[in-house]
């Protein structure tokens, strides 16, 4: 009756996005 999702710290991929490194990613 419940859906569980586990959330973790940011990955390296998630780290590159706010750095503006989308093309490198």
PDBML (XML) file of the C-alpha atoms, coordinates in Angstrom:
<?xml version="1.0" encoding="UTF-8" ?>
<PDBx:datablock datablockName="MODEL"
   xmlns:PDBx="http://pdbml.pdb.org/schema/pdbx-v50.xsd"
   xmlns:xsi="http://www.w3.org/2001/XMLSchema-instance"
   xsi:schemaLocation="http://pdbml.pdb.org/schema/pdbx-v50.xsd pdbx-v50.xsd">
   <PDBx:atom_siteCategory>
      <PDBx:atom_site id="1">
         <PDBx:B_iso_or_equiv>0.00</PDBx:B_iso_or_equiv>
         <PDBx:Cartn_x>0.000</PDBx:Cartn_x>
         <PDBx:Cartn_y>0.000</PDBx:Cartn_y>
         <PDBx:Cartn_z>0.000</PDBx:Cartn_z>
         <PDBx:auth_asym_id>A</PDBx:auth_asym_id>
         <PDBx:auth_atom_id>CA</PDBx:auth_atom_id>
         <PDBx:auth_comp_id>UNK</PDBx:auth_comp_id>
         <PDBx:auth_seq_id>1</PDBx:auth_seq_id>
         <PDBx:group_PDB>ATOM</PDBx:group_PDB>
         <PDBx:label_alt_id xsi:nil="true" />
         <PDBx:label_asym_id>A</PDBx:label_asym_id>
         <PDBx:label_atom_id>CA</PDBx:label_atom_id>
         <PDBx:label_comp_id>UNK</PDBx:label_comp_id>
         <PDBx:label_entity_id>1</PDBx:label_entity_id>
         <PDBx:label_seq_id>1</PDBx:label_seq_id>
         <PDBx:occupancy>1.00</PDBx:occupancy>
         <PDBx:pdbx_PDB_model_num>1</PDBx:pdbx_PDB_model_num>
         <PDBx:type_symbol>C</PDBx:type_symbol>
      </PDBx:atom_site>
      <PDBx:atom_site id="2">
         <PDBx:B_iso_or_equiv>0.00</PDBx:B_iso_or_equiv>
         <PDBx:Cartn_x>3.072</PDBx:Cartn_x>
         <PDBx:Cartn_y>2.265</PDBx:Cartn_y>
         <PDBx:Cartn_z>0.072</PDBx:Cartn_z>
         <PDBx:auth_asym_id>A</PDBx:auth_asym_id>
         <PDBx:auth_atom_id>CA</PDBx:auth_atom_id>
         <PDBx:auth_comp_id>UNK</PDBx:auth_comp_id>
         <PDBx:auth_seq_id>2</PDBx:auth_seq_id>
         <PDBx:group_PDB>ATOM</PDBx:group_PDB>
         <PDBx:label_alt_id xsi:nil="true" />
         <PDBx:label_asym_id>A</PDBx:label_asym_id>
         <PDBx:label_atom_id>CA</PDBx:label_atom_id>
         <PDBx:label_comp_id>UNK</PDBx:label_comp_id>
         <PDBx:label_entity_id>1</PDBx:label_entity_id>
         <PDBx:label_seq_id>2</PDBx:label_seq_id>
         <PDBx:occupancy>1.00</PDBx:occupancy>
         <PDBx:pdbx_PDB_model_num>1</PDBx:pdbx_PDB_model_num>
         <PDBx:type_symbol>C</PDBx:type_symbol>
      </PDBx:atom_site>
      <PDBx:atom_site id="3">
         <PDBx:B_iso_or_equiv>0.00</PDBx:B_iso_or_equiv>
         <PDBx:Cartn_x>5.767</PDBx:Cartn_x>
         <PDBx:Cartn_y>3.036</PDBx:Cartn_y>
         <PDBx:Cartn_z>-2.503</PDBx:Cartn_z>
         <PDBx:auth_asym_id>A</PDBx:auth_asym_id>
         <PDBx:auth_atom_id>CA</PDBx:auth_atom_id>
         <PDBx:auth_comp_id>UNK</PDBx:auth_comp_id>
         <PDBx:auth_seq_id>3</PDBx:auth_seq_id>
         <PDBx:group_PDB>ATOM</PDBx:group_PDB>
         <PDBx:label_alt_id xsi:nil="true" />
         <PDBx:label_asym_id>A</PDBx:label_asym_id>
         <PDBx:label_atom_id>CA</PDBx:label_atom_id>
         <PDBx:label_comp_id>UNK</PDBx:label_comp_id>
         <PDBx:label_entity_id>1</PDBx:label_entity_id>
         <PDBx:label_seq_id>3</PDBx:label_seq_id>
         <PDBx:occupancy>1.00</PDBx:occupancy>
         <PDBx:pdbx_PDB_model_num>1</PDBx:pdbx_PDB_model_num>
         <PDBx:type_symbol>C</PDBx:type_symbol>
      </PDBx:atom_site>
      <PDBx:atom_site id="4">
         <PDBx:B_iso_or_equiv>0.00</PDBx:B_iso_or_equiv>
         <PDBx:Cartn_x>9.242</PDBx:Cartn_x>
         <PDBx:Cartn_y>3.516</PDBx:Cartn_y>
         <PDBx:Cartn_z>-1.012</PDBx:Cartn_z>
         <PDBx:auth_asym_id>A</PDBx:auth_asym_id>
         <PDBx:auth_atom_id>CA</PDBx:auth_atom_id>
         <PDBx:auth_comp_id>UNK</PDBx:auth_comp_id>
         <PDBx:auth_seq_id>4</PDBx:auth_seq_id>
         <PDBx:group_PDB>ATOM</PDBx:group_PDB>
         <PDBx:label_alt_id xsi:nil="true" />
         <PDBx:label_asym_id>A</PDBx:label_asym_id>
         <PDBx:label_atom_id>CA</PDBx:label_atom_id>
         <PDBx:label_comp_id>UNK</PDBx:label_comp_id>
         <PDBx:label_entity_id>1</PDBx:label_entity_id>
         <PDBx:label_seq_id>4</PDBx:label_seq_id>
         <PDBx:occupancy>1.00</PDBx:occupancy>
         <PDBx:pdbx_PDB_model_num>1</PDBx:pdbx_PDB_model_num>
         <PDBx:type_symbol>C</PDBx:type_symbol>
      </PDBx:atom_site>
      <PDBx:atom_site id="5">
         <PDBx:B_iso_or_equiv>0.00</PDBx:B_iso_or_equiv>
         <PDBx:Cartn_x>12.050</PDBx:Cartn_x>
         <PDBx:Cartn_y>5.412</PDBx:Cartn_y>
         <PDBx:Cartn_z>-2.714</PDBx:Cartn_z>
         <PDBx:auth_asym_id>A</PDBx:auth_asym_id>
         <PDBx:auth_atom_id>CA</PDBx:auth_atom_id>
         <PDBx:auth_comp_id>UNK</PDBx:auth_comp_id>
         <PDBx:auth_seq_id>5</PDBx:auth_seq_id>
         <PDBx:group_PDB>ATOM</PDBx:group_PDB>
         <PDBx:label_alt_id xsi:nil="true" />
         <PDBx:label_asym_id>A</PDBx:label_asym_id>
         <PDBx:label_atom_id>CA</PDBx:label_atom_id>
         <PDBx:label_comp_id>UNK</PDBx:label_comp_id>
         <PDBx:label_entity_id>1</PDBx:label_entity_id>
         <PDBx:label_seq_id>5</PDBx:label_seq_id>
         <PDBx:occupancy>1.00</PDBx:occupancy>
         <PDBx:pdbx_PDB_model_num>1</PDBx:pdbx_PDB_model_num>
         <PDBx:type_symbol>C</PDBx:type_symbol>
      </PDBx:atom_site>
      <PDBx:atom_site id="6">
         <PDBx:B_iso_or_equiv>0.00</PDBx:B_iso_or_equiv>
         <PDBx:Cartn_x>15.549</PDBx:Cartn_x>
         <PDBx:Cartn_y>5.692</PDBx:Cartn_y>
         <PDBx:Cartn_z>-1.294</PDBx:Cartn_z>
         <PDBx:auth_asym_id>A</PDBx:auth_asym_id>
         <PDBx:auth_atom_id>CA</PDBx:auth_atom_id>
         <PDBx:auth_comp_id>UNK</PDBx:auth_comp_id>
         <PDBx:auth_seq_id>6</PDBx:auth_seq_id>
         <PDBx:group_PDB>ATOM</PDBx:group_PDB>
         <PDBx:label_alt_id xsi:nil="true" />
         <PDBx:label_asym_id>A</PDBx:label_asym_id>
         <PDBx:label_atom_id>CA</PDBx:label_atom_id>
         <PDBx:label_comp_id>UNK</PDBx:label_comp_id>
         <PDBx:label_entity_id>1</PDBx:label_entity_id>
         <PDBx:label_seq_id>6</PDBx:label_seq_id>
         <PDBx:occupancy>1.00</PDBx:occupancy>
         <PDBx:pdbx_PDB_model_num>1</PDBx:pdbx_PDB_model_num>
         <PDBx:type_symbol>C</PDBx:type_symbol>
      </PDBx:atom_site>
      <PDBx:atom_site id="7">
         <PDBx:B_iso_or_equiv>0.00</PDBx:B_iso_or_equiv>
         <PDBx:Cartn_x>17.337</PDBx:Cartn_x>
         <PDBx:Cartn_y>8.999</PDBx:Cartn_y>
         <PDBx:Cartn_z>-1.845</PDBx:Cartn_z>
         <PDBx:auth_asym_id>A</PDBx:auth_asym_id>
         <PDBx:auth_atom_id>CA</PDBx:auth_atom_id>
         <PDBx:auth_comp_id>UNK</PDBx:auth_comp_id>
         <PDBx:auth_seq_id>7</PDBx:auth_seq_id>
         <PDBx:group_PDB>ATOM</PDBx:group_PDB>
         <PDBx:label_alt_id xsi:nil="true" />
         <PDBx:label_asym_id>A</PDBx:label_asym_id>
         <PDBx:label_atom_id>CA</PDBx:label_atom_id>
         <PDBx:label_comp_id>UNK</PDBx:label_comp_id>
         <PDBx:label_entity_id>1</PDBx:label_entity_id>
         <PDBx:label_seq_id>7</PDBx:label_seq_id>
         <PDBx:occupancy>1.00</PDBx:occupancy>
         <PDBx:pdbx_PDB_model_num>1</PDBx:pdbx_PDB_model_num>
         <PDBx:type_symbol>C</PDBx:type_symbol>
      </PDBx:atom_site>
      <PDBx:atom_site id="8">
         <PDBx:B_iso_or_equiv>0.00</PDBx:B_iso_or_equiv>
         <PDBx:Cartn_x>21.103</PDBx:Cartn_x>
         <PDBx:Cartn_y>9.431</PDBx:Cartn_y>
         <PDBx:Cartn_z>-1.638</PDBx:Cartn_z>
         <PDBx:auth_asym_id>A</PDBx:auth_asym_id>
         <PDBx:auth_atom_id>CA</PDBx:auth_atom_id>
         <PDBx:auth_comp_id>UNK</PDBx:auth_comp_id>
         <PDBx:auth_seq_id>8</PDBx:auth_seq_id>
         <PDBx:group_PDB>ATOM</PDBx:group_PDB>
         <PDBx:label_alt_id xsi:nil="true" />
         <PDBx:label_asym_id>A</PDBx:label_asym_id>
         <PDBx:label_atom_id>CA</PDBx:label_atom_id>
         <PDBx:label_comp_id>UNK</PDBx:label_comp_id>
         <PDBx:label_entity_id>1</PDBx:label_entity_id>
         <PDBx:label_seq_id>8</PDBx:label_seq_id>
         <PDBx:occupancy>1.00</PDBx:occupancy>
         <PDBx:pdbx_PDB_model_num>1</PDBx:pdbx_PDB_model_num>
         <PDBx:type_symbol>C</PDBx:type_symbol>
      </PDBx:atom_site>
      <PDBx:atom_site id="9">
         <PDBx:B_iso_or_equiv>0.00</PDBx:B_iso_or_equiv>
         <PDBx:Cartn_x>23.596</PDBx:Cartn_x>
         <PDBx:Cartn_y>12.301</PDBx:Cartn_y>
         <PDBx:Cartn_z>-1.853</PDBx:Cartn_z>
         <PDBx:auth_asym_id>A</PDBx:auth_asym_id>
         <PDBx:auth_atom_id>CA</PDBx:auth_atom_id>
         <PDBx:auth_comp_id>UNK</PDBx:auth_comp_id>
         <PDBx:auth_seq_id>9</PDBx:auth_seq_id>
         <PDBx:group_PDB>ATOM</PDBx:group_PDB>
         <PDBx:label_alt_id xsi:nil="true" />
         <PDBx:label_asym_id>A</PDBx:label_asym_id>
         <PDBx:label_atom_id>CA</PDBx:label_atom_id>
         <PDBx:label_comp_id>UNK</PDBx:label_comp_id>
         <PDBx:label_entity_id>1</PDBx:label_entity_id>
         <PDBx:label_seq_id>9</PDBx:label_seq_id>
         <PDBx:occupancy>1.00</PDBx:occupancy>
         <PDBx:pdbx_PDB_model_num>1</PDBx:pdbx_PDB_model_num>
         <PDBx:type_symbol>C</PDBx:type_symbol>
      </PDBx:atom_site>
      <PDBx:atom_site id="10">
         <PDBx:B_iso_or_equiv>0.00</PDBx:B_iso_or_equiv>
         <PDBx:Cartn_x>24.232</PDBx:Cartn_x>
         <PDBx:Cartn_y>13.783</PDBx:Cartn_y>
         <PDBx:Cartn_z>-5.278</PDBx:Cartn_z>
         <PDBx:auth_asym_id>A</PDBx:auth_asym_id>
         <PDBx:auth_atom_id>CA</PDBx:auth_atom_id>
         <PDBx:auth_comp_id>UNK</PDBx:auth_comp_id>
         <PDBx:auth_seq_id>10</PDBx:auth_seq_id>
         <PDBx:group_PDB>ATOM</PDBx:group_PDB>
         <PDBx:label_alt_id xsi:nil="true" />
         <PDBx:label_asym_id>A</PDBx:label_asym_id>
         <PDBx:label_atom_id>CA</PDBx:label_atom_id>
         <PDBx:label_comp_id>UNK</PDBx:label_comp_id>
         <PDBx:label_entity_id>1</PDBx:label_entity_id>
         <PDBx:label_seq_id>10</PDBx:label_seq_id>
         <PDBx:occupancy>1.00</PDBx:occupancy>
         <PDBx:pdbx_PDB_model_num>1</PDBx:pdbx_PDB_model_num>
         <PDBx:type_symbol>C</PDBx:type_symbol>
      </PDBx:atom_site>
      <PDBx:atom_site id="11">
         <PDBx:B_iso_or_equiv>0.00</PDBx:B_iso_or_equiv>
         <PDBx:Cartn_x>26.097</PDBx:Cartn_x>
         <PDBx:Cartn_y>11.654</PDBx:Cartn_y>
         <PDBx:Cartn_z>-7.800</PDBx:Cartn_z>
         <PDBx:auth_asym_id>A</PDBx:auth_asym_id>
         <PDBx:auth_atom_id>CA</PDBx:auth_atom_id>
         <PDBx:auth_comp_id>UNK</PDBx:auth_comp_id>
         <PDBx:auth_seq_id>11</PDBx:auth_seq_id>
         <PDBx:group_PDB>ATOM</PDBx:group_PDB>
         <PDBx:label_alt_id xsi:nil="true" />
         <PDBx:label_asym_id>A</PDBx:label_asym_id>
         <PDBx:label_atom_id>CA</PDBx:label_atom_id>
         <PDBx:label_comp_id>UNK</PDBx:label_comp_id>
         <PDBx:label_entity_id>1</PDBx:label_entity_id>
         <PDBx:label_seq_id>11</PDBx:label_seq_id>
         <PDBx:occupancy>1.00</PDBx:occupancy>
         <PDBx:pdbx_PDB_model_num>1</PDBx:pdbx_PDB_model_num>
         <PDBx:type_symbol>C</PDBx:type_symbol>
      </PDBx:atom_site>
      <PDBx:atom_site id="12">
         <PDBx:B_iso_or_equiv>0.00</PDBx:B_iso_or_equiv>
         <PDBx:Cartn_x>28.957</PDBx:Cartn_x>
         <PDBx:Cartn_y>12.918</PDBx:Cartn_y>
         <PDBx:Cartn_z>-9.954</PDBx:Cartn_z>
         <PDBx:auth_asym_id>A</PDBx:auth_asym_id>
         <PDBx:auth_atom_id>CA</PDBx:auth_atom_id>
         <PDBx:auth_comp_id>UNK</PDBx:auth_comp_id>
         <PDBx:auth_seq_id>12</PDBx:auth_seq_id>
         <PDBx:group_PDB>ATOM</PDBx:group_PDB>
         <PDBx:label_alt_id xsi:nil="true" />
         <PDBx:label_asym_id>A</PDBx:label_asym_id>
         <PDBx:label_atom_id>CA</PDBx:label_atom_id>
         <PDBx:label_comp_id>UNK</PDBx:label_comp_id>
         <PDBx:label_entity_id>1</PDBx:label_entity_id>
         <PDBx:label_seq_id>12</PDBx:label_seq_id>
         <PDBx:occupancy>1.00</PDBx:occupancy>
         <PDBx:pdbx_PDB_model_num>1</PDBx:pdbx_PDB_model_num>
         <PDBx:type_symbol>C</PDBx:type_symbol>
      </PDBx:atom_site>
      <PDBx:atom_site id="13">
         <PDBx:B_iso_or_equiv>0.00</PDBx:B_iso_or_equiv>
         <PDBx:Cartn_x>26.491</PDBx:Cartn_x>
         <PDBx:Cartn_y>13.290</PDBx:Cartn_y>
         <PDBx:Cartn_z>-12.842</PDBx:Cartn_z>
         <PDBx:auth_asym_id>A</PDBx:auth_asym_id>
         <PDBx:auth_atom_id>CA</PDBx:auth_atom_id>
         <PDBx:auth_comp_id>UNK</PDBx:auth_comp_id>
         <PDBx:auth_seq_id>13</PDBx:auth_seq_id>
         <PDBx:group_PDB>ATOM</PDBx:group_PDB>
         <PDBx:label_alt_id xsi:nil="true" />
         <PDBx:label_asym_id>A</PDBx:label_asym_id>
         <PDBx:label_atom_id>CA</PDBx:label_atom_id>
         <PDBx:label_comp_id>UNK</PDBx:label_comp_id>
         <PDBx:label_entity_id>1</PDBx:label_entity_id>
         <PDBx:label_seq_id>13</PDBx:label_seq_id>
         <PDBx:occupancy>1.00</PDBx:occupancy>
         <PDBx:pdbx_PDB_model_num>1</PDBx:pdbx_PDB_model_num>
         <PDBx:type_symbol>C</PDBx:type_symbol>
      </PDBx:atom_site>
      <PDBx:atom_site id="14">
         <PDBx:B_iso_or_equiv>0.00</PDBx:B_iso_or_equiv>
         <PDBx:Cartn_x>24.193</PDBx:Cartn_x>
         <PDBx:Cartn_y>15.418</PDBx:Cartn_y>
         <PDBx:Cartn_z>-10.670</PDBx:Cartn_z>
         <PDBx:auth_asym_id>A</PDBx:auth_asym_id>
         <PDBx:auth_atom_id>CA</PDBx:auth_atom_id>
         <PDBx:auth_comp_id>UNK</PDBx:auth_comp_id>
         <PDBx:auth_seq_id>14</PDBx:auth_seq_id>
         <PDBx:group_PDB>ATOM</PDBx:group_PDB>
         <PDBx:label_alt_id xsi:nil="true" />
         <PDBx:label_asym_id>A</PDBx:label_asym_id>
         <PDBx:label_atom_id>CA</PDBx:label_atom_id>
         <PDBx:label_comp_id>UNK</PDBx:label_comp_id>
         <PDBx:label_entity_id>1</PDBx:label_entity_id>
         <PDBx:label_seq_id>14</PDBx:label_seq_id>
         <PDBx:occupancy>1.00</PDBx:occupancy>
         <PDBx:pdbx_PDB_model_num>1</PDBx:pdbx_PDB_model_num>
         <PDBx:type_symbol>C</PDBx:type_symbol>
      </PDBx:atom_site>
      <PDBx:atom_site id="15">
         <PDBx:B_iso_or_equiv>0.00</PDBx:B_iso_or_equiv>
         <PDBx:Cartn_x>27.230</PDBx:Cartn_x>
         <PDBx:Cartn_y>17.433</PDBx:Cartn_y>
         <PDBx:Cartn_z>-9.544</PDBx:Cartn_z>
         <PDBx:auth_asym_id>A</PDBx:auth_asym_id>
         <PDBx:auth_atom_id>CA</PDBx:auth_atom_id>
         <PDBx:auth_comp_id>UNK</PDBx:auth_comp_id>
         <PDBx:auth_seq_id>15</PDBx:auth_seq_id>
         <PDBx:group_PDB>ATOM</PDBx:group_PDB>
         <PDBx:label_alt_id xsi:nil="true" />
         <PDBx:label_asym_id>A</PDBx:label_asym_id>
         <PDBx:label_atom_id>CA</PDBx:label_atom_id>
         <PDBx:label_comp_id>UNK</PDBx:label_comp_id>
         <PDBx:label_entity_id>1</PDBx:label_entity_id>
         <PDBx:label_seq_id>15</PDBx:label_seq_id>
         <PDBx:occupancy>1.00</PDBx:occupancy>
         <PDBx:pdbx_PDB_model_num>1</PDBx:pdbx_PDB_model_num>
         <PDBx:type_symbol>C</PDBx:type_symbol>
      </PDBx:atom_site>
      <PDBx:atom_site id="16">
         <PDBx:B_iso_or_equiv>0.00</PDBx:B_iso_or_equiv>
         <PDBx:Cartn_x>28.183</PDBx:Cartn_x>
         <PDBx:Cartn_y>18.365</PDBx:Cartn_y>
         <PDBx:Cartn_z>-13.123</PDBx:Cartn_z>
         <PDBx:auth_asym_id>A</PDBx:auth_asym_id>
         <PDBx:auth_atom_id>CA</PDBx:auth_atom_id>
         <PDBx:auth_comp_id>UNK</PDBx:auth_comp_id>
         <PDBx:auth_seq_id>16</PDBx:auth_seq_id>
         <PDBx:group_PDB>ATOM</PDBx:group_PDB>
         <PDBx:label_alt_id xsi:nil="true" />
         <PDBx:label_asym_id>A</PDBx:label_asym_id>
         <PDBx:label_atom_id>CA</PDBx:label_atom_id>
         <PDBx:label_comp_id>UNK</PDBx:label_comp_id>
         <PDBx:label_entity_id>1</PDBx:label_entity_id>
         <PDBx:label_seq_id>16</PDBx:label_seq_id>
         <PDBx:occupancy>1.00</PDBx:occupancy>
         <PDBx:pdbx_PDB_model_num>1</PDBx:pdbx_PDB_model_num>
         <PDBx:type_symbol>C</PDBx:type_symbol>
      </PDBx:atom_site>
      <PDBx:atom_site id="17">
         <PDBx:B_iso_or_equiv>0.00</PDBx:B_iso_or_equiv>
         <PDBx:Cartn_x>24.762</PDBx:Cartn_x>
         <PDBx:Cartn_y>19.789</PDBx:Cartn_y>
         <PDBx:Cartn_z>-14.013</PDBx:Cartn_z>
         <PDBx:auth_asym_id>A</PDBx:auth_asym_id>
         <PDBx:auth_atom_id>CA</PDBx:auth_atom_id>
         <PDBx:auth_comp_id>UNK</PDBx:auth_comp_id>
         <PDBx:auth_seq_id>17</PDBx:auth_seq_id>
         <PDBx:group_PDB>ATOM</PDBx:group_PDB>
         <PDBx:label_alt_id xsi:nil="true" />
         <PDBx:label_asym_id>A</PDBx:label_asym_id>
         <PDBx:label_atom_id>CA</PDBx:label_atom_id>
         <PDBx:label_comp_id>UNK</PDBx:label_comp_id>
         <PDBx:label_entity_id>1</PDBx:label_entity_id>
         <PDBx:label_seq_id>17</PDBx:label_seq_id>
         <PDBx:occupancy>1.00</PDBx:occupancy>
         <PDBx:pdbx_PDB_model_num>1</PDBx:pdbx_PDB_model_num>
         <PDBx:type_symbol>C</PDBx:type_symbol>
      </PDBx:atom_site>
      <PDBx:atom_site id="18">
         <PDBx:B_iso_or_equiv>0.00</PDBx:B_iso_or_equiv>
         <PDBx:Cartn_x>24.690</PDBx:Cartn_x>
         <PDBx:Cartn_y>22.775</PDBx:Cartn_y>
         <PDBx:Cartn_z>-11.582</PDBx:Cartn_z>
         <PDBx:auth_asym_id>A</PDBx:auth_asym_id>
         <PDBx:auth_atom_id>CA</PDBx:auth_atom_id>
         <PDBx:auth_comp_id>UNK</PDBx:auth_comp_id>
         <PDBx:auth_seq_id>18</PDBx:auth_seq_id>
         <PDBx:group_PDB>ATOM</PDBx:group_PDB>
         <PDBx:label_alt_id xsi:nil="true" />
         <PDBx:label_asym_id>A</PDBx:label_asym_id>
         <PDBx:label_atom_id>CA</PDBx:label_atom_id>
         <PDBx:label_comp_id>UNK</PDBx:label_comp_id>
         <PDBx:label_entity_id>1</PDBx:label_entity_id>
         <PDBx:label_seq_id>18</PDBx:label_seq_id>
         <PDBx:occupancy>1.00</PDBx:occupancy>
         <PDBx:pdbx_PDB_model_num>1</PDBx:pdbx_PDB_model_num>
         <PDBx:type_symbol>C</PDBx:type_symbol>
      </PDBx:atom_site>
      <PDBx:atom_site id="19">
         <PDBx:B_iso_or_equiv>0.00</PDBx:B_iso_or_equiv>
         <PDBx:Cartn_x>28.302</PDBx:Cartn_x>
         <PDBx:Cartn_y>23.463</PDBx:Cartn_y>
         <PDBx:Cartn_z>-12.542</PDBx:Cartn_z>
         <PDBx:auth_asym_id>A</PDBx:auth_asym_id>
         <PDBx:auth_atom_id>CA</PDBx:auth_atom_id>
         <PDBx:auth_comp_id>UNK</PDBx:auth_comp_id>
         <PDBx:auth_seq_id>19</PDBx:auth_seq_id>
         <PDBx:group_PDB>ATOM</PDBx:group_PDB>
         <PDBx:label_alt_id xsi:nil="true" />
         <PDBx:label_asym_id>A</PDBx:label_asym_id>
         <PDBx:label_atom_id>CA</PDBx:label_atom_id>
         <PDBx:label_comp_id>UNK</PDBx:label_comp_id>
         <PDBx:label_entity_id>1</PDBx:label_entity_id>
         <PDBx:label_seq_id>19</PDBx:label_seq_id>
         <PDBx:occupancy>1.00</PDBx:occupancy>
         <PDBx:pdbx_PDB_model_num>1</PDBx:pdbx_PDB_model_num>
         <PDBx:type_symbol>C</PDBx:type_symbol>
      </PDBx:atom_site>
      <PDBx:atom_site id="20">
         <PDBx:B_iso_or_equiv>0.00</PDBx:B_iso_or_equiv>
         <PDBx:Cartn_x>27.028</PDBx:Cartn_x>
         <PDBx:Cartn_y>24.168</PDBx:Cartn_y>
         <PDBx:Cartn_z>-16.043</PDBx:Cartn_z>
         <PDBx:auth_asym_id>A</PDBx:auth_asym_id>
         <PDBx:auth_atom_id>CA</PDBx:auth_atom_id>
         <PDBx:auth_comp_id>UNK</PDBx:auth_comp_id>
         <PDBx:auth_seq_id>20</PDBx:auth_seq_id>
         <PDBx:group_PDB>ATOM</PDBx:group_PDB>
         <PDBx:label_alt_id xsi:nil="true" />
         <PDBx:label_asym_id>A</PDBx:label_asym_id>
         <PDBx:label_atom_id>CA</PDBx:label_atom_id>
         <PDBx:label_comp_id>UNK</PDBx:label_comp_id>
         <PDBx:label_entity_id>1</PDBx:label_entity_id>
         <PDBx:label_seq_id>20</PDBx:label_seq_id>
         <PDBx:occupancy>1.00</PDBx:occupancy>
         <PDBx:pdbx_PDB_model_num>1</PDBx:pdbx_PDB_model_num>
         <PDBx:type_symbol>C</PDBx:type_symbol>
      </PDBx:atom_site>
      <PDBx:atom_site id="21">
         <PDBx:B_iso_or_equiv>0.00</PDBx:B_iso_or_equiv>
         <PDBx:Cartn_x>29.025</PDBx:Cartn_x>
         <PDBx:Cartn_y>21.297</PDBx:Cartn_y>
         <PDBx:Cartn_z>-17.527</PDBx:Cartn_z>
         <PDBx:auth_asym_id>A</PDBx:auth_asym_id>
         <PDBx:auth_atom_id>CA</PDBx:auth_atom_id>
         <PDBx:auth_comp_id>UNK</PDBx:auth_comp_id>
         <PDBx:auth_seq_id>21</PDBx:auth_seq_id>
         <PDBx:group_PDB>ATOM</PDBx:group_PDB>
         <PDBx:label_alt_id xsi:nil="true" />
         <PDBx:label_asym_id>A</PDBx:label_asym_id>
         <PDBx:label_atom_id>CA</PDBx:label_atom_id>
         <PDBx:label_comp_id>UNK</PDBx:label_comp_id>
         <PDBx:label_entity_id>1</PDBx:label_entity_id>
         <PDBx:label_seq_id>21</PDBx:label_seq_id>
         <PDBx:occupancy>1.00</PDBx:occupancy>
         <PDBx:pdbx_PDB_model_num>1</PDBx:pdbx_PDB_model_num>
         <PDBx:type_symbol>C</PDBx:type_symbol>
      </PDBx:atom_site>
      <PDBx:atom_site id="22">
         <PDBx:B_iso_or_equiv>0.00</PDBx:B_iso_or_equiv>
         <PDBx:Cartn_x>26.162</PDBx:Cartn_x>
         <PDBx:Cartn_y>19.883</PDBx:Cartn_y>
         <PDBx:Cartn_z>-19.584</PDBx:Cartn_z>
         <PDBx:auth_asym_id>A</PDBx:auth_asym_id>
         <PDBx:auth_atom_id>CA</PDBx:auth_atom_id>
         <PDBx:auth_comp_id>UNK</PDBx:auth_comp_id>
         <PDBx:auth_seq_id>22</PDBx:auth_seq_id>
         <PDBx:group_PDB>ATOM</PDBx:group_PDB>
         <PDBx:label_alt_id xsi:nil="true" />
         <PDBx:label_asym_id>A</PDBx:label_asym_id>
         <PDBx:label_atom_id>CA</PDBx:label_atom_id>
         <PDBx:label_comp_id>UNK</PDBx:label_comp_id>
         <PDBx:label_entity_id>1</PDBx:label_entity_id>
         <PDBx:label_seq_id>22</PDBx:label_seq_id>
         <PDBx:occupancy>1.00</PDBx:occupancy>
         <PDBx:pdbx_PDB_model_num>1</PDBx:pdbx_PDB_model_num>
         <PDBx:type_symbol>C</PDBx:type_symbol>
      </PDBx:atom_site>
      <PDBx:atom_site id="23">
         <PDBx:B_iso_or_equiv>0.00</PDBx:B_iso_or_equiv>
         <PDBx:Cartn_x>28.253</PDBx:Cartn_x>
         <PDBx:Cartn_y>19.498</PDBx:Cartn_y>
         <PDBx:Cartn_z>-22.753</PDBx:Cartn_z>
         <PDBx:auth_asym_id>A</PDBx:auth_asym_id>
         <PDBx:auth_atom_id>CA</PDBx:auth_atom_id>
         <PDBx:auth_comp_id>UNK</PDBx:auth_comp_id>
         <PDBx:auth_seq_id>23</PDBx:auth_seq_id>
         <PDBx:group_PDB>ATOM</PDBx:group_PDB>
         <PDBx:label_alt_id xsi:nil="true" />
         <PDBx:label_asym_id>A</PDBx:label_asym_id>
         <PDBx:label_atom_id>CA</PDBx:label_atom_id>
         <PDBx:label_comp_id>UNK</PDBx:label_comp_id>
         <PDBx:label_entity_id>1</PDBx:label_entity_id>
         <PDBx:label_seq_id>23</PDBx:label_seq_id>
         <PDBx:occupancy>1.00</PDBx:occupancy>
         <PDBx:pdbx_PDB_model_num>1</PDBx:pdbx_PDB_model_num>
         <PDBx:type_symbol>C</PDBx:type_symbol>
      </PDBx:atom_site>
      <PDBx:atom_site id="24">
         <PDBx:B_iso_or_equiv>0.00</PDBx:B_iso_or_equiv>
         <PDBx:Cartn_x>31.003</PDBx:Cartn_x>
         <PDBx:Cartn_y>17.631</PDBx:Cartn_y>
         <PDBx:Cartn_z>-20.891</PDBx:Cartn_z>
         <PDBx:auth_asym_id>A</PDBx:auth_asym_id>
         <PDBx:auth_atom_id>CA</PDBx:auth_atom_id>
         <PDBx:auth_comp_id>UNK</PDBx:auth_comp_id>
         <PDBx:auth_seq_id>24</PDBx:auth_seq_id>
         <PDBx:group_PDB>ATOM</PDBx:group_PDB>
         <PDBx:label_alt_id xsi:nil="true" />
         <PDBx:label_asym_id>A</PDBx:label_asym_id>
         <PDBx:label_atom_id>CA</PDBx:label_atom_id>
         <PDBx:label_comp_id>UNK</PDBx:label_comp_id>
         <PDBx:label_entity_id>1</PDBx:label_entity_id>
         <PDBx:label_seq_id>24</PDBx:label_seq_id>
         <PDBx:occupancy>1.00</PDBx:occupancy>
         <PDBx:pdbx_PDB_model_num>1</PDBx:pdbx_PDB_model_num>
         <PDBx:type_symbol>C</PDBx:type_symbol>
      </PDBx:atom_site>
      <PDBx:atom_site id="25">
         <PDBx:B_iso_or_equiv>0.00</PDBx:B_iso_or_equiv>
         <PDBx:Cartn_x>28.359</PDBx:Cartn_x>
         <PDBx:Cartn_y>15.449</PDBx:Cartn_y>
         <PDBx:Cartn_z>-19.273</PDBx:Cartn_z>
         <PDBx:auth_asym_id>A</PDBx:auth_asym_id>
         <PDBx:auth_atom_id>CA</PDBx:auth_atom_id>
         <PDBx:auth_comp_id>UNK</PDBx:auth_comp_id>
         <PDBx:auth_seq_id>25</PDBx:auth_seq_id>
         <PDBx:group_PDB>ATOM</PDBx:group_PDB>
         <PDBx:label_alt_id xsi:nil="true" />
         <PDBx:label_asym_id>A</PDBx:label_asym_id>
         <PDBx:label_atom_id>CA</PDBx:label_atom_id>
         <PDBx:label_comp_id>UNK</PDBx:label_comp_id>
         <PDBx:label_entity_id>1</PDBx:label_entity_id>
         <PDBx:label_seq_id>25</PDBx:label_seq_id>
         <PDBx:occupancy>1.00</PDBx:occupancy>
         <PDBx:pdbx_PDB_model_num>1</PDBx:pdbx_PDB_model_num>
         <PDBx:type_symbol>C</PDBx:type_symbol>
      </PDBx:atom_site>
   </PDBx:atom_siteCategory>
</PDBx:datablock>
